[in-house]
Amino acid sequence: MTEAHPNILVVVTEDGPRRSIVSELRTARYNVLEATNTLQAVAMTEELTSEDLILCEIISNKEYTDVIRSYLKMRREIPVVFLVGNADKETLEPFLERSPHFVEKPVDVSELTSTIERALAQARHSQISTDQK
C-alpha cells in the first residue's frame, strides 16, 4: 500500500515562482493548493489538517507578514516551511520561532522536497509523542 501524500498549501504572491514550485511539487506527487494572497491563504488553511503542510514565502511587507503570522498562530498544528528571499532579519525572526524549516529562494527542488519531508516527519513525531501522553 502506498502512503498518501499530504496537501501542501503554497502561499507565494508572484505568479512565475508560484507556478514553478507548484509544478515541481505536483511532479513529486504532492497534492497542491495555491494561494496568491493572504486572504486566499487564510481561507484555504481551513481545509488543512495536521498531516498537511504550509509552504509560505516571507517578504518584507508588514501587512502581509502580520496576516501570515496571525493565521499561523491559529493553526499551530500544521507544519510550515518558509521560503526566504531577501527579507531582513527583523522580519524573519518571529517566523523562525514558529518553524525552523526554511528554504532560500531561488528554490532548489531537491532541497525543497527534503525540507518538506523533514518538516512532515518532525510533525508526525511530535503528534505521536503528544498522543502517547
Protein backbone atom coordinates (compact mmCIF):
# COMPACT_ATOMS: atom_id res chain seq x y z
CA MET A 1 0.00 0.00 0.00
CA THR A 2 1.39 3.43 -0.89
CA GLU A 3 1.35 6.26 1.59
CA ALA A 4 -0.84 9.21 0.57
CA HIS A 5 0.97 12.46 0.12
CA PRO A 6 -0.24 15.38 2.20
CA ASN A 7 -1.79 18.56 0.92
CA ILE A 8 0.66 21.41 0.60
CA LEU A 9 -0.69 24.94 0.63
CA VAL A 10 1.71 27.09 -1.40
CA VAL A 11 1.49 30.77 -0.42
CA VAL A 12 3.57 32.71 -2.94
CA THR A 13 2.44 36.06 -4.34
CA GLU A 14 4.44 36.11 -7.59
CA ASP A 15 2.91 34.06 -10.42
CA GLY A 16 6.11 32.74 -12.04
CA PRO A 17 7.80 31.38 -8.90
CA ARG A 18 4.50 30.01 -7.57
CA ARG A 19 3.73 28.16 -10.79
CA SER A 20 7.22 26.68 -10.89
CA ILE A 21 7.05 25.49 -7.28
CA VAL A 22 3.53 24.08 -7.75
CA SER A 23 4.63 22.22 -10.88
CA GLU A 24 7.65 20.69 -9.13
CA LEU A 25 5.60 19.63 -6.10
CA ARG A 26 2.94 18.04 -8.28
CA THR A 27 5.68 16.18 -10.16
CA ALA A 28 6.84 14.94 -6.75
CA ARG A 29 3.25 13.66 -6.30
CA TYR A 30 2.09 16.10 -3.63
CA ASN A 31 -1.47 17.41 -3.59
CA VAL A 32 -1.02 21.16 -4.02
CA LEU A 33 -3.29 24.06 -3.14
CA GLU A 34 -2.29 27.54 -4.35
CA ALA A 35 -2.83 30.89 -2.65
CA THR A 36 -1.83 34.10 -4.40
CA ASN A 37 -2.56 36.37 -1.42
CA THR A 38 -3.13 36.29 2.31
CA LEU A 39 -6.95 36.23 2.08
CA GLN A 40 -6.86 33.08 -0.06
CA ALA A 41 -4.29 31.54 2.27
CA VAL A 42 -6.41 32.11 5.36
CA ALA A 43 -9.50 30.64 3.67
CA MET A 44 -7.62 27.62 2.32
CA THR A 45 -5.99 26.90 5.68
CA GLU A 46 -9.41 25.77 6.89
CA GLU A 47 -9.11 22.76 4.54
CA LEU A 48 -5.82 21.59 6.06
CA THR A 49 -5.19 19.03 8.78
CA SER A 50 -2.17 18.37 10.96
CA GLU A 51 -0.96 15.90 8.30
CA ASP A 52 -0.68 18.68 5.72
CA LEU A 53 1.87 21.46 5.32
CA ILE A 54 2.00 25.18 4.56
CA LEU A 55 4.78 26.38 2.25
CA CYS A 56 4.85 30.12 2.71
CA GLU A 57 7.11 32.86 1.38
CA ILE A 58 8.30 35.56 3.74
CA ILE A 59 8.55 39.02 2.24
CA SER A 60 9.35 42.40 3.79
CA ASN A 61 5.79 43.73 3.73
CA LYS A 62 4.30 44.49 7.16
CA GLU A 63 0.65 43.97 6.19
CA TYR A 64 1.45 40.61 4.56
CA THR A 65 3.64 39.38 7.43
CA ASP A 66 1.09 40.43 10.09
CA VAL A 67 -1.67 38.42 8.40
CA ILE A 68 0.59 35.40 7.83
CA ARG A 69 1.79 35.39 11.46
CA SER A 70 -1.79 35.68 12.70
CA TYR A 71 -3.13 32.74 10.71
CA LEU A 72 -0.09 30.58 11.52
CA LYS A 73 -0.81 31.14 15.22
CA MET A 74 -4.38 29.93 14.73
CA ARG A 75 -3.24 26.69 13.10
CA ARG A 76 -0.17 25.75 15.14
CA GLU A 77 -0.73 22.03 14.49
CA ILE A 78 0.08 22.43 10.79
CA PRO A 79 3.78 22.21 9.92
CA VAL A 80 5.29 25.09 7.96
CA VAL A 81 8.23 25.54 5.62
CA PHE A 82 9.20 29.11 4.83
CA LEU A 83 10.58 30.39 1.52
CA VAL A 84 13.07 33.14 2.24
CA GLY A 85 14.45 35.62 -0.26
CA ASN A 86 15.75 38.99 0.71
CA ALA A 87 13.66 39.56 3.84
CA ASP A 88 15.60 41.25 6.64
CA LYS A 89 16.49 39.54 9.92
CA GLU A 90 13.87 41.51 11.86
CA THR A 91 11.15 40.24 9.52
CA LEU A 92 12.36 36.62 9.74
CA GLU A 93 12.81 36.19 13.50
CA PRO A 94 9.15 35.78 14.52
CA PHE A 95 8.61 33.23 11.75
CA LEU A 96 11.63 31.14 12.64
CA GLU A 97 10.23 30.84 16.17
CA ARG A 98 7.19 29.15 14.58
CA SER A 99 9.21 26.78 12.40
CA PRO A 100 12.93 26.14 11.91
CA HIS A 101 12.29 24.83 8.38
CA PHE A 102 13.13 27.21 5.57
CA VAL A 103 14.42 27.19 2.00
CA GLU A 104 16.18 30.09 0.36
CA LYS A 105 14.98 31.50 -2.94
CA PRO A 106 15.65 30.81 -5.72
CA VAL A 107 14.34 27.39 -4.79
CA ASP A 108 16.37 24.22 -5.34
CA VAL A 109 13.77 21.47 -5.84
CA SER A 110 15.69 18.70 -4.07
CA GLU A 111 16.35 20.97 -1.08
CA LEU A 112 12.67 21.97 -1.04
CA THR A 113 11.33 18.41 -1.10
CA SER A 114 13.81 17.20 1.54
CA THR A 115 12.92 20.15 3.79
CA ILE A 116 9.21 19.41 3.34
CA GLU A 117 9.79 15.75 4.26
CA ARG A 118 11.81 16.75 7.36
CA ALA A 119 9.06 19.14 8.49
CA LEU A 120 6.37 16.49 7.97
CA ALA A 121 8.41 13.82 9.78
CA GLN A 122 9.01 16.16 12.71
CA ALA A 123 5.29 16.98 12.87
CA ARG A 124 4.35 13.28 12.79
CA HIS A 125 6.87 12.54 15.54
CA SER A 126 5.51 15.41 17.66
CA GLN A 127 1.95 14.20 17.11
CA ILE A 128 2.86 10.65 18.16
CA SER A 129 4.60 11.97 21.28
CA THR A 130 1.56 14.10 22.14
CA ASP A 131 -0.84 11.19 21.56
CA GLN A 132 1.16 8.94 23.89
CA LYS A 133 0.92 11.37 26.83
